[in-house]
Amino acid sequence: MSGETQKSIVSLIEDGGNKPVLTKYVKLNVGGSLFYTTLGTLTKRADSMLRAMFSGRMEVLTDTEGWVLIDRAGKHFGRILNYLRDGQCPMPEDKMELKELLAEAKYYCLQELINCVEDELKKKGDDVEPQCRVPLVTSSKEERMLIMNAEKPVIKLVCNRYNNKYSYTSQSDDNILKNLELFDKLSLRFNGRILFIKDIIANDEICCWSFYGNGKKVTEVCCTSIVYATERKQTKVDFPEARIYEDTLNILLFEGRGELAALDQLLRATKSLNRNRDRERDDNDEGSNMRRSRVHQLANDS
C-alpha cells in the first residue's frame, strides 16, 4: 500500500472510529476472490489481524487498481465478513470445511469465531459422514432456497421420463440412464466443490441440466427434442457428454470466488474457446483454398 493510503487509514482509526468516513468501502482481493466491505467492518474486532492491517501496524499491499491483496484462499472469507459485521457465522455442514474455516479464523486472530468452530467440531466428533449428499427437491420453493443459500456452484438435473406426451425413440431410454449415471459420477467426483441437486417432480422437462453460480443460472443443457417419425411425433433424448463436462468445468470458475472474478474468468475462457474455433476455421479455409488451387492447376496442365 502506498504511504499516502496507509496514512489515511491510520488517521481514520486514530480518530476513534466514529466518523462517517468509516463507511467508505474497501476493495479486497483475497486469493483471487473479490470483496467489497466497509473500513468499519474490517476494524470492528480490536484484536484481529484485519484491525492490525488497516491501522498501520502491518504492511498492506495493493495492486495498481487499488485492490488490497490478502494472500489467503477466499473460499471462507465471506463467512469471516459476516462474523465481523454482526457476530454471526453460519457453520458449514461438512467437517472438512469446518476445519478450513477454523484455519482461517486462526489466521485472522478471531478468537470468538475460533471457539464457535471448535465447539461445532466437537459436536460432530468422530462420526462417519456420508461421502456425498444429493438433495432430492420436493418443491420449487425448496429448490430456490437451496440454490440461493449455496456457498458453492450448483448443478441441477431434472429427470422425469413420465412428462413425455409421445413415444420415445429407440435410444432415448439408454440415454436417460447415461445422463443419470454421469450425474452420479460427477457428484462423487466433485463432492464438496459443487452442490448437486436432483429434481424428479418438474412437469415441464424430461431431461435437462442447469448450472448455477452465485445463485444465478449461468447455462443449461436440454437433452430432449421432438422428432417426426413416420406419421407420428416422437421424443428424442440425447446424451451430450462433452457439453456437460465442458459446462461443469466452467461452473467451477465460480467456486469460492466473488461474482465479478468468476464472470471475468468465464468470459476469458469463452473468448479463448472462440479464438481457437476461429483459428481452426481459418486453417480449414486455407486448406480448402490450397486444394482448390491444386485442382485448377491439374486441370490446366491436362
C-alpha atoms as a PDB file:
ATOM      1  CA  MET A   1       0.000   0.000   0.000  1.00  0.00           C
ATOM      2  CA  SER A   2       1.288   3.481  -0.769  1.00  0.00           C
ATOM      3  CA  GLY A   3       2.380   5.685   2.112  1.00  0.00           C
ATOM      4  CA  GLU A   4      -0.464   8.137   1.446  1.00  0.00           C
ATOM      5  CA  THR A   5      -3.118   5.405   1.547  1.00  0.00           C
ATOM      6  CA  GLN A   6      -1.579   3.848   4.649  1.00  0.00           C
ATOM      7  CA  LYS A   7      -1.529   7.240   6.380  1.00  0.00           C
ATOM      8  CA  SER A   8      -5.178   7.937   5.554  1.00  0.00           C
ATOM      9  CA  ILE A   9      -6.296   4.622   7.028  1.00  0.00           C
ATOM     10  CA  VAL A  10      -4.217   5.165  10.155  1.00  0.00           C
ATOM     11  CA  SER A  11      -5.804   8.571  10.689  1.00  0.00           C
ATOM     12  CA  LEU A  12      -9.277   7.076  10.468  1.00  0.00           C
ATOM     13  CA  ILE A  13      -8.538   4.538  13.192  1.00  0.00           C
ATOM     14  CA  GLU A  14      -6.856   7.076  15.441  1.00  0.00           C
ATOM     15  CA  ASP A  15      -9.879   9.372  15.252  1.00  0.00           C
ATOM     16  CA  GLY A  16     -11.819   6.848  17.313  1.00  0.00           C
ATOM     17  CA  GLY A  17     -13.834   5.150  14.585  1.00  0.00           C
ATOM     18  CA  ASN A  18     -16.843   7.487  14.997  1.00  0.00           C
ATOM     19  CA  LYS A  19     -16.562   9.486  11.816  1.00  0.00           C
ATOM     20  CA  PRO A  20     -18.896   8.757   8.876  1.00  0.00           C
ATOM     21  CA  VAL A  21     -15.834   8.166   6.694  1.00  0.00           C
ATOM     22  CA  LEU A  22     -15.606   4.681   8.247  1.00  0.00           C
ATOM     23  CA  THR A  23     -18.469   3.713   5.951  1.00  0.00           C
ATOM     24  CA  LYS A  24     -16.107   4.106   2.997  1.00  0.00           C
ATOM     25  CA  TYR A  25     -15.815   0.876   1.033  1.00  0.00           C
ATOM     26  CA  VAL A  26     -12.565  -1.033   0.712  1.00  0.00           C
ATOM     27  CA  LYS A  27     -11.790  -3.351  -2.203  1.00  0.00           C
ATOM     28  CA  LEU A  28     -10.245  -6.673  -1.186  1.00  0.00           C
ATOM     29  CA  ASN A  29      -8.653  -9.334  -3.364  1.00  0.00           C
ATOM     30  CA  VAL A  30      -8.441 -12.472  -1.231  1.00  0.00           C
ATOM     31  CA  GLY A  31      -6.677 -15.195  -3.184  1.00  0.00           C
ATOM     32  CA  GLY A  32      -8.376 -14.084  -6.396  1.00  0.00           C
ATOM     33  CA  SER A  33     -11.854 -13.628  -4.883  1.00  0.00           C
ATOM     34  CA  LEU A  34     -13.067 -10.036  -4.886  1.00  0.00           C
ATOM     35  CA  PHE A  35     -14.955  -8.460  -1.982  1.00  0.00           C
ATOM     36  CA  TYR A  36     -16.300  -5.016  -1.089  1.00  0.00           C
ATOM     37  CA  THR A  37     -16.752  -4.054   2.546  1.00  0.00           C
ATOM     38  CA  THR A  38     -16.506  -1.012   4.791  1.00  0.00           C
ATOM     39  CA  LEU A  39     -13.483   0.060   6.761  1.00  0.00           C
ATOM     40  CA  GLY A  40     -15.648  -0.029   9.867  1.00  0.00           C
ATOM     41  CA  THR A  41     -16.361  -3.743   9.349  1.00  0.00           C
ATOM     42  CA  LEU A  42     -12.693  -4.589   8.888  1.00  0.00           C
ATOM     43  CA  THR A  43     -11.668  -2.771  12.064  1.00  0.00           C
ATOM     44  CA  LYS A  44     -14.566  -3.869  14.251  1.00  0.00           C
ATOM     45  CA  ARG A  45     -12.689  -6.536  16.260  1.00  0.00           C
ATOM     46  CA  ALA A  46      -9.927  -4.956  18.311  1.00  0.00           C
ATOM     47  CA  ASP A  47      -7.552  -7.933  18.444  1.00  0.00           C
ATOM     48  CA  SER A  48      -7.993  -9.191  14.885  1.00  0.00           C
ATOM     49  CA  MET A  49      -5.345  -9.230  12.193  1.00  0.00           C
ATOM     50  CA  LEU A  50      -7.601  -7.203   9.893  1.00  0.00           C
ATOM     51  CA  ARG A  51      -7.698  -4.432  12.504  1.00  0.00           C
ATOM     52  CA  ALA A  52      -3.913  -4.510  12.606  1.00  0.00           C
ATOM     53  CA  MET A  53      -3.680  -4.428   8.806  1.00  0.00           C
ATOM     54  CA  PHE A  54      -5.853  -1.338   8.496  1.00  0.00           C
ATOM     55  CA  SER A  55      -4.432   0.533  11.476  1.00  0.00           C
ATOM     56  CA  GLY A  56      -0.901   0.838  10.130  1.00  0.00           C
ATOM     57  CA  ARG A  57       0.616  -1.826  12.386  1.00  0.00           C
ATOM     58  CA  MET A  58       1.130  -4.199   9.461  1.00  0.00           C
ATOM     59  CA  GLU A  59       2.197  -3.588   5.897  1.00  0.00           C
ATOM     60  CA  VAL A  60      -0.660  -3.858   3.415  1.00  0.00           C
ATOM     61  CA  LEU A  61      -0.150  -4.409  -0.307  1.00  0.00           C
ATOM     62  CA  THR A  62      -2.369  -3.069  -3.093  1.00  0.00           C
ATOM     63  CA  ASP A  63      -2.326  -3.508  -6.848  1.00  0.00           C
ATOM     64  CA  THR A  64      -2.434  -0.745  -9.448  1.00  0.00           C
ATOM     65  CA  GLU A  65      -6.253  -0.642  -9.353  1.00  0.00           C
ATOM     66  CA  GLY A  66      -6.417  -0.152  -5.594  1.00  0.00           C
ATOM     67  CA  TRP A  67      -7.372  -3.691  -4.583  1.00  0.00           C
ATOM     68  CA  VAL A  68      -5.934  -4.672  -1.209  1.00  0.00           C
ATOM     69  CA  LEU A  69      -4.181  -8.027  -1.645  1.00  0.00           C
ATOM     70  CA  ILE A  70      -4.540 -10.749   1.002  1.00  0.00           C
ATOM     71  CA  ASP A  71      -2.637 -13.946   0.306  1.00  0.00           C
ATOM     72  CA  ARG A  72      -5.255 -16.407   1.579  1.00  0.00           C
ATOM     73  CA  ALA A  73      -7.907 -18.571  -0.056  1.00  0.00           C
ATOM     74  CA  GLY A  74     -11.136 -16.635  -0.493  1.00  0.00           C
ATOM     75  CA  LYS A  75     -13.424 -19.637  -0.042  1.00  0.00           C
ATOM     76  CA  HIS A  76     -14.482 -18.775   3.528  1.00  0.00           C
ATOM     77  CA  PHE A  77     -13.769 -15.042   3.565  1.00  0.00           C
ATOM     78  CA  GLY A  78     -17.460 -14.275   3.082  1.00  0.00           C
ATOM     79  CA  ARG A  79     -18.165 -16.079   6.356  1.00  0.00           C
ATOM     80  CA  ILE A  80     -15.384 -14.083   8.019  1.00  0.00           C
ATOM     81  CA  LEU A  81     -17.013 -10.829   6.871  1.00  0.00           C
ATOM     82  CA  ASN A  82     -20.433 -11.966   8.122  1.00  0.00           C
ATOM     83  CA  TYR A  83     -18.908 -12.656  11.520  1.00  0.00           C
ATOM     84  CA  LEU A  84     -17.203  -9.243  11.597  1.00  0.00           C
ATOM     85  CA  ARG A  85     -20.463  -7.478  10.708  1.00  0.00           C
ATOM     86  CA  ASP A  86     -22.849  -8.959  13.265  1.00  0.00           C
ATOM     87  CA  GLY A  87     -21.019 -11.645  15.224  1.00  0.00           C
ATOM     88  CA  GLN A  88     -22.928 -14.416  13.438  1.00  0.00           C
ATOM     89  CA  CYS A  89     -21.413 -17.020  11.132  1.00  0.00           C
ATOM     90  CA  PRO A  90     -23.428 -19.857   9.543  1.00  0.00           C
ATOM     91  CA  MET A  91     -21.395 -23.021  10.005  1.00  0.00           C
ATOM     92  CA  PRO A  92     -20.762 -25.358   7.065  1.00  0.00           C
ATOM     93  CA  GLU A  93     -22.105 -28.880   7.445  1.00  0.00           C
ATOM     94  CA  ASP A  94     -19.040 -30.593   6.040  1.00  0.00           C
ATOM     95  CA  LYS A  95     -16.387 -31.450   8.629  1.00  0.00           C
ATOM     96  CA  MET A  96     -13.523 -30.685   6.259  1.00  0.00           C
ATOM     97  CA  GLU A  97     -14.954 -27.236   5.541  1.00  0.00           C
ATOM     98  CA  LEU A  98     -15.247 -26.624   9.285  1.00  0.00           C
ATOM     99  CA  LYS A  99     -11.536 -27.357   9.626  1.00  0.00           C
ATOM    100  CA  GLU A 100     -10.790 -24.976   6.759  1.00  0.00           C
ATOM    101  CA  LEU A 101     -12.875 -22.255   8.433  1.00  0.00           C
ATOM    102  CA  LEU A 102     -11.040 -22.884  11.711  1.00  0.00           C
ATOM    103  CA  ALA A 103      -7.701 -22.341   9.964  1.00  0.00           C
ATOM    104  CA  GLU A 104      -8.941 -19.030   8.522  1.00  0.00           C
ATOM    105  CA  ALA A 105     -10.289 -17.885  11.904  1.00  0.00           C
ATOM    106  CA  LYS A 106      -6.911 -18.617  13.487  1.00  0.00           C
ATOM    107  CA  TYR A 107      -5.088 -16.749  10.728  1.00  0.00           C
ATOM    108  CA  TYR A 108      -7.222 -13.633  11.231  1.00  0.00           C
ATOM    109  CA  CYS A 109      -6.966 -13.985  15.061  1.00  0.00           C
ATOM    110  CA  LEU A 110     -10.742 -14.108  15.641  1.00  0.00           C
ATOM    111  CA  GLN A 111     -10.867 -15.893  18.988  1.00  0.00           C
ATOM    112  CA  GLU A 112     -14.647 -15.936  19.415  1.00  0.00           C
ATOM    113  CA  LEU A 113     -15.091 -17.455  15.976  1.00  0.00           C
ATOM    114  CA  ILE A 114     -12.352 -19.984  16.764  1.00  0.00           C
ATOM    115  CA  ASN A 115     -14.305 -21.061  19.850  1.00  0.00           C
ATOM    116  CA  CYS A 116     -17.554 -21.396  17.868  1.00  0.00           C
ATOM    117  CA  VAL A 117     -15.953 -23.541  15.164  1.00  0.00           C
ATOM    118  CA  GLU A 118     -14.183 -25.749  17.707  1.00  0.00           C
ATOM    119  CA  ASP A 119     -17.494 -26.294  19.532  1.00  0.00           C
ATOM    120  CA  GLU A 120     -19.131 -27.278  16.244  1.00  0.00           C
ATOM    121  CA  LEU A 121     -16.329 -29.738  15.507  1.00  0.00           C
ATOM    122  CA  LYS A 122     -16.764 -31.295  18.954  1.00  0.00           C
ATOM    123  CA  LYS A 123     -20.460 -31.842  18.245  1.00  0.00           C
ATOM    124  CA  LYS A 124     -19.608 -33.775  15.118  1.00  0.00           C
ATOM    125  CA  GLY A 125     -16.997 -35.826  16.974  1.00  0.00           C
ATOM    126  CA  ASP A 126     -15.714 -38.824  15.074  1.00  0.00           C
ATOM    127  CA  ASP A 127     -18.991 -39.563  13.298  1.00  0.00           C
ATOM    128  CA  VAL A 128     -18.525 -41.071   9.871  1.00  0.00           C
ATOM    129  CA  GLU A 129     -20.102 -38.718   7.372  1.00  0.00           C
ATOM    130  CA  PRO A 130     -21.519 -39.755   4.005  1.00  0.00           C
ATOM    131  CA  GLN A 131     -19.162 -39.196   1.108  1.00  0.00           C
ATOM    132  CA  CYS A 132     -21.796 -37.434  -0.957  1.00  0.00           C
ATOM    133  CA  ARG A 133     -25.161 -35.790  -0.296  1.00  0.00           C
ATOM    134  CA  VAL A 134     -27.517 -35.058  -3.210  1.00  0.00           C
ATOM    135  CA  PRO A 135     -30.719 -33.224  -2.212  1.00  0.00           C
ATOM    136  CA  LEU A 136     -33.876 -34.514  -3.899  1.00  0.00           C
ATOM    137  CA  VAL A 137     -36.065 -31.429  -4.240  1.00  0.00           C
ATOM    138  CA  THR A 138     -39.772 -31.716  -3.492  1.00  0.00           C
ATOM    139  CA  SER A 139     -40.929 -28.201  -4.387  1.00  0.00           C
ATOM    140  CA  SER A 140     -39.858 -25.173  -6.395  1.00  0.00           C
ATOM    141  CA  LYS A 141     -39.568 -23.163  -3.170  1.00  0.00           C
ATOM    142  CA  GLU A 142     -37.132 -25.686  -1.712  1.00  0.00           C
ATOM    143  CA  GLU A 143     -35.118 -25.593  -4.932  1.00  0.00           C
ATOM    144  CA  ARG A 144     -34.835 -21.789  -4.859  1.00  0.00           C
ATOM    145  CA  MET A 145     -33.720 -21.852  -1.226  1.00  0.00           C
ATOM    146  CA  LEU A 146     -31.031 -24.456  -1.932  1.00  0.00           C
ATOM    147  CA  ILE A 147     -29.660 -22.506  -4.888  1.00  0.00           C
ATOM    148  CA  MET A 148     -29.766 -19.066  -3.255  1.00  0.00           C
ATOM    149  CA  ASN A 149     -28.163 -20.240   0.012  1.00  0.00           C
ATOM    150  CA  ALA A 150     -25.481 -22.396  -1.605  1.00  0.00           C
ATOM    151  CA  GLU A 151     -21.905 -21.287  -0.966  1.00  0.00           C
ATOM    152  CA  LYS A 152     -20.775 -23.414  -3.906  1.00  0.00           C
ATOM    153  CA  PRO A 153     -21.674 -23.672  -7.591  1.00  0.00           C
ATOM    154  CA  VAL A 154     -24.822 -25.723  -8.221  1.00  0.00           C
ATOM    155  CA  ILE A 155     -25.645 -28.336 -10.851  1.00  0.00           C
ATOM    156  CA  LYS A 156     -29.269 -29.433 -11.107  1.00  0.00           C
ATOM    157  CA  LEU A 157     -30.535 -32.381 -13.129  1.00  0.00           C
ATOM    158  CA  VAL A 158     -34.222 -32.609 -13.987  1.00  0.00           C
ATOM    159  CA  CYS A 159     -35.059 -36.186 -14.918  1.00  0.00           C
ATOM    160  CA  ASN A 160     -38.687 -37.263 -15.275  1.00  0.00           C
ATOM    161  CA  ARG A 161     -39.432 -39.572 -18.177  1.00  0.00           C
ATOM    162  CA  TYR A 162     -43.163 -39.520 -17.396  1.00  0.00           C
ATOM    163  CA  ASN A 163     -43.507 -35.940 -18.669  1.00  0.00           C
ATOM    164  CA  ASN A 164     -43.499 -37.266 -22.196  1.00  0.00           C
ATOM    165  CA  LYS A 165     -46.565 -36.876 -24.431  1.00  0.00           C
ATOM    166  CA  TYR A 166     -45.262 -39.096 -27.189  1.00  0.00           C
ATOM    167  CA  SER A 167     -43.386 -42.346 -27.515  1.00  0.00           C
ATOM    168  CA  TYR A 168     -39.605 -42.373 -27.147  1.00  0.00           C
ATOM    169  CA  THR A 169     -37.088 -43.099 -29.873  1.00  0.00           C
ATOM    170  CA  SER A 170     -35.180 -46.361 -29.615  1.00  0.00           C
ATOM    171  CA  GLN A 171     -32.082 -44.847 -27.940  1.00  0.00           C
ATOM    172  CA  SER A 172     -33.861 -42.466 -25.572  1.00  0.00           C
ATOM    173  CA  ASP A 173     -34.180 -44.795 -22.582  1.00  0.00           C
ATOM    174  CA  ASP A 174     -30.494 -45.689 -22.791  1.00  0.00           C
ATOM    175  CA  ASN A 175     -29.564 -42.005 -22.983  1.00  0.00           C
ATOM    176  CA  ILE A 176     -31.697 -41.173 -19.931  1.00  0.00           C
ATOM    177  CA  LEU A 177     -29.760 -43.797 -17.987  1.00  0.00           C
ATOM    178  CA  LYS A 178     -26.460 -42.415 -19.296  1.00  0.00           C
ATOM    179  CA  ASN A 179     -27.389 -38.912 -18.101  1.00  0.00           C
ATOM    180  CA  LEU A 180     -28.266 -40.291 -14.659  1.00  0.00           C
ATOM    181  CA  GLU A 181     -25.019 -42.263 -14.490  1.00  0.00           C
ATOM    182  CA  LEU A 182     -22.965 -39.196 -15.462  1.00  0.00           C
ATOM    183  CA  PHE A 183     -24.759 -37.129 -12.811  1.00  0.00           C
ATOM    184  CA  ASP A 184     -23.858 -39.721 -10.159  1.00  0.00           C
ATOM    185  CA  LYS A 185     -20.262 -39.858 -11.391  1.00  0.00           C
ATOM    186  CA  LEU A 186     -19.854 -36.066 -11.309  1.00  0.00           C
ATOM    187  CA  SER A 187     -21.472 -35.772  -7.882  1.00  0.00           C
ATOM    188  CA  LEU A 188     -18.939 -38.245  -6.489  1.00  0.00           C
ATOM    189  CA  ARG A 189     -16.027 -36.640  -8.331  1.00  0.00           C
ATOM    190  CA  PHE A 190     -16.791 -33.033  -7.318  1.00  0.00           C
ATOM    191  CA  ASN A 191     -18.414 -33.641  -3.952  1.00  0.00           C
ATOM    192  CA  GLY A 192     -17.528 -30.758  -1.635  1.00  0.00           C
ATOM    193  CA  ARG A 193     -16.842 -28.386  -4.526  1.00  0.00           C
ATOM    194  CA  ILE A 194     -20.232 -28.366  -6.268  1.00  0.00           C
ATOM    195  CA  LEU A 195     -23.741 -28.782  -4.843  1.00  0.00           C
ATOM    196  CA  PHE A 196     -25.640 -31.339  -6.925  1.00  0.00           C
ATOM    197  CA  ILE A 197     -29.444 -31.297  -6.901  1.00  0.00           C
ATOM    198  CA  LYS A 198     -31.804 -33.816  -8.464  1.00  0.00           C
ATOM    199  CA  ASP A 199     -35.349 -32.818  -9.434  1.00  0.00           C
ATOM    200  CA  ILE A 200     -37.830 -35.581 -10.299  1.00  0.00           C
ATOM    201  CA  ILE A 201     -41.082 -33.635  -9.858  1.00  0.00           C
ATOM    202  CA  ALA A 202     -40.681 -30.937 -12.523  1.00  0.00           C
ATOM    203  CA  ASN A 203     -43.529 -31.193 -15.003  1.00  0.00           C
ATOM    204  CA  ASP A 204     -42.034 -29.186 -17.863  1.00  0.00           C
ATOM    205  CA  GLU A 205     -38.831 -31.102 -18.640  1.00  0.00           C
ATOM    206  CA  ILE A 206     -37.813 -34.699 -19.246  1.00  0.00           C
ATOM    207  CA  CYS A 207     -34.032 -34.430 -19.015  1.00  0.00           C
ATOM    208  CA  CYS A 208     -32.280 -31.098 -18.517  1.00  0.00           C
ATOM    209  CA  TRP A 209     -29.044 -29.958 -16.839  1.00  0.00           C
ATOM    210  CA  SER A 210     -28.871 -26.487 -15.240  1.00  0.00           C
ATOM    211  CA  PHE A 211     -25.699 -24.787 -13.971  1.00  0.00           C
ATOM    212  CA  TYR A 212     -25.759 -22.037 -11.318  1.00  0.00           C
ATOM    213  CA  GLY A 213     -23.083 -19.706  -9.948  1.00  0.00           C
ATOM    214  CA  ASN A 214     -23.584 -17.165  -7.148  1.00  0.00           C
ATOM    215  CA  GLY A 215     -27.296 -18.044  -7.030  1.00  0.00           C
ATOM    216  CA  LYS A 216     -27.897 -17.289 -10.726  1.00  0.00           C
ATOM    217  CA  LYS A 217     -28.376 -19.610 -13.681  1.00  0.00           C
ATOM    218  CA  VAL A 218     -25.330 -19.496 -15.942  1.00  0.00           C
ATOM    219  CA  THR A 219     -26.340 -22.003 -18.612  1.00  0.00           C
ATOM    220  CA  GLU A 220     -28.371 -25.140 -19.215  1.00  0.00           C
ATOM    221  CA  VAL A 221     -28.215 -28.225 -21.413  1.00  0.00           C
ATOM    222  CA  CYS A 222     -31.593 -29.552 -22.554  1.00  0.00           C
ATOM    223  CA  CYS A 223     -31.306 -33.148 -23.697  1.00  0.00           C
ATOM    224  CA  THR A 224     -34.781 -33.602 -25.229  1.00  0.00           C
ATOM    225  CA  SER A 225     -36.274 -32.729 -28.588  1.00  0.00           C
ATOM    226  CA  ILE A 226     -39.286 -33.673 -30.720  1.00  0.00           C
ATOM    227  CA  VAL A 227     -38.592 -35.584 -33.939  1.00  0.00           C
ATOM    228  CA  TYR A 228     -41.002 -36.527 -36.703  1.00  0.00           C
ATOM    229  CA  ALA A 229     -41.026 -40.215 -37.433  1.00  0.00           C
ATOM    230  CA  THR A 230     -43.352 -41.947 -39.886  1.00  0.00           C
ATOM    231  CA  GLU A 231     -46.849 -40.462 -39.396  1.00  0.00           C
ATOM    232  CA  ARG A 232     -46.213 -39.537 -35.749  1.00  0.00           C
ATOM    233  CA  LYS A 233     -44.114 -37.465 -33.374  1.00  0.00           C
ATOM    234  CA  GLN A 234     -41.541 -38.976 -31.040  1.00  0.00           C
ATOM    235  CA  THR A 235     -39.490 -37.664 -28.142  1.00  0.00           C
ATOM    236  CA  LYS A 236     -35.742 -37.975 -28.501  1.00  0.00           C
ATOM    237  CA  VAL A 237     -33.384 -37.854 -25.509  1.00  0.00           C
ATOM    238  CA  ASP A 238     -29.709 -37.159 -26.246  1.00  0.00           C
ATOM    239  CA  PHE A 239     -26.570 -37.629 -24.175  1.00  0.00           C
ATOM    240  CA  PRO A 240     -24.331 -34.571 -24.872  1.00  0.00           C
ATOM    241  CA  GLU A 241     -21.495 -35.829 -22.685  1.00  0.00           C
ATOM    242  CA  ALA A 242     -18.785 -33.446 -23.937  1.00  0.00           C
ATOM    243  CA  ARG A 243     -21.013 -30.376 -23.495  1.00  0.00           C
ATOM    244  CA  ILE A 244     -21.922 -31.418 -19.930  1.00  0.00           C
ATOM    245  CA  TYR A 245     -18.255 -31.892 -18.996  1.00  0.00           C
ATOM    246  CA  GLU A 246     -17.368 -28.504 -20.510  1.00  0.00           C
ATOM    247  CA  ASP A 247     -20.111 -26.667 -18.595  1.00  0.00           C
ATOM    248  CA  THR A 248     -19.156 -28.480 -15.378  1.00  0.00           C
ATOM    249  CA  LEU A 249     -15.568 -27.239 -15.677  1.00  0.00           C
ATOM    250  CA  ASN A 250     -16.793 -23.719 -16.479  1.00  0.00           C
ATOM    251  CA  ILE A 251     -19.075 -23.616 -13.433  1.00  0.00           C
ATOM    252  CA  LEU A 252     -16.081 -24.471 -11.236  1.00  0.00           C
ATOM    253  CA  LEU A 253     -14.822 -20.951 -12.016  1.00  0.00           C
ATOM    254  CA  PHE A 254     -17.463 -19.738  -9.536  1.00  0.00           C
ATOM    255  CA  GLU A 255     -16.005 -21.876  -6.735  1.00  0.00           C
ATOM    256  CA  GLY A 256     -15.027 -19.725  -3.743  1.00  0.00           C
ATOM    257  CA  ARG A 257     -14.860 -16.591  -5.869  1.00  0.00           C
ATOM    258  CA  GLY A 258     -16.664 -13.282  -5.923  1.00  0.00           C
ATOM    259  CA  GLU A 259     -19.190 -12.791  -8.696  1.00  0.00           C
ATOM    260  CA  LEU A 260     -17.050 -10.278 -10.607  1.00  0.00           C
ATOM    261  CA  ALA A 261     -13.996 -12.529 -10.636  1.00  0.00           C
ATOM    262  CA  ALA A 262     -15.967 -15.615 -11.686  1.00  0.00           C
ATOM    263  CA  LEU A 263     -17.723 -13.843 -14.546  1.00  0.00           C
ATOM    264  CA  ASP A 264     -14.402 -12.411 -15.730  1.00  0.00           C
ATOM    265  CA  GLN A 265     -12.805 -15.864 -15.724  1.00  0.00           C
ATOM    266  CA  LEU A 266     -15.790 -17.342 -17.581  1.00  0.00           C
ATOM    267  CA  LEU A 267     -15.640 -14.562 -20.166  1.00  0.00           C
ATOM    268  CA  ARG A 268     -11.924 -15.143 -20.704  1.00  0.00           C
ATOM    269  CA  ALA A 269     -12.426 -18.895 -21.059  1.00  0.00           C
ATOM    270  CA  THR A 270     -15.225 -18.341 -23.592  1.00  0.00           C
ATOM    271  CA  LYS A 271     -13.139 -15.880 -25.591  1.00  0.00           C
ATOM    272  CA  SER A 272     -10.228 -18.315 -25.633  1.00  0.00           C
ATOM    273  CA  LEU A 273     -12.512 -21.104 -26.857  1.00  0.00           C
ATOM    274  CA  ASN A 274     -13.936 -18.873 -29.600  1.00  0.00           C
ATOM    275  CA  ARG A 275     -10.425 -17.839 -30.706  1.00  0.00           C
ATOM    276  CA  ASN A 276      -9.412 -21.486 -31.013  1.00  0.00           C
ATOM    277  CA  ARG A 277     -12.525 -22.253 -33.050  1.00  0.00           C
ATOM    278  CA  ASP A 278     -11.879 -19.248 -35.329  1.00  0.00           C
ATOM    279  CA  ARG A 279      -8.273 -20.350 -35.782  1.00  0.00           C
ATOM    280  CA  GLU A 280      -9.377 -23.867 -36.713  1.00  0.00           C
ATOM    281  CA  ARG A 281     -11.925 -22.418 -39.152  1.00  0.00           C
ATOM    282  CA  ASP A 282      -9.244 -20.213 -40.761  1.00  0.00           C
ATOM    283  CA  ASP A 283      -6.905 -23.198 -41.056  1.00  0.00           C
ATOM    284  CA  ASN A 284      -9.659 -25.237 -42.688  1.00  0.00           C
ATOM    285  CA  ASP A 285     -10.475 -22.397 -45.106  1.00  0.00           C
ATOM    286  CA  GLU A 286      -6.799 -22.027 -46.007  1.00  0.00           C
ATOM    287  CA  GLY A 287      -6.518 -25.768 -46.603  1.00  0.00           C
ATOM    288  CA  SER A 288      -9.637 -25.719 -48.792  1.00  0.00           C
ATOM    289  CA  ASN A 289      -8.264 -22.834 -50.871  1.00  0.00           C
ATOM    290  CA  MET A 290      -4.969 -24.673 -51.393  1.00  0.00           C
ATOM    291  CA  ARG A 291      -6.832 -27.806 -52.502  1.00  0.00           C
ATOM    292  CA  ARG A 292      -8.969 -25.804 -54.943  1.00  0.00           C
ATOM    293  CA  SER A 293      -5.853 -24.133 -56.386  1.00  0.00           C
ATOM    294  CA  ARG A 294      -4.226 -27.541 -56.827  1.00  0.00           C
ATOM    295  CA  VAL A 295      -7.300 -28.893 -58.642  1.00  0.00           C
ATOM    296  CA  HIS A 296      -7.353 -25.898 -61.027  1.00  0.00           C
ATOM    297  CA  GLN A 297      -3.628 -26.320 -61.702  1.00  0.00           C
ATOM    298  CA  LEU A 298      -4.048 -30.009 -62.531  1.00  0.00           C
ATOM    299  CA  ALA A 299      -6.989 -29.182 -64.796  1.00  0.00           C
ATOM    300  CA  ASN A 300      -4.957 -26.581 -66.702  1.00  0.00           C
ATOM    301  CA  ASP A 301      -1.987 -28.940 -67.037  1.00  0.00           C
ATOM    302  CA  SER A 302      -4.208 -31.582 -68.555  1.00  0.00           C
END
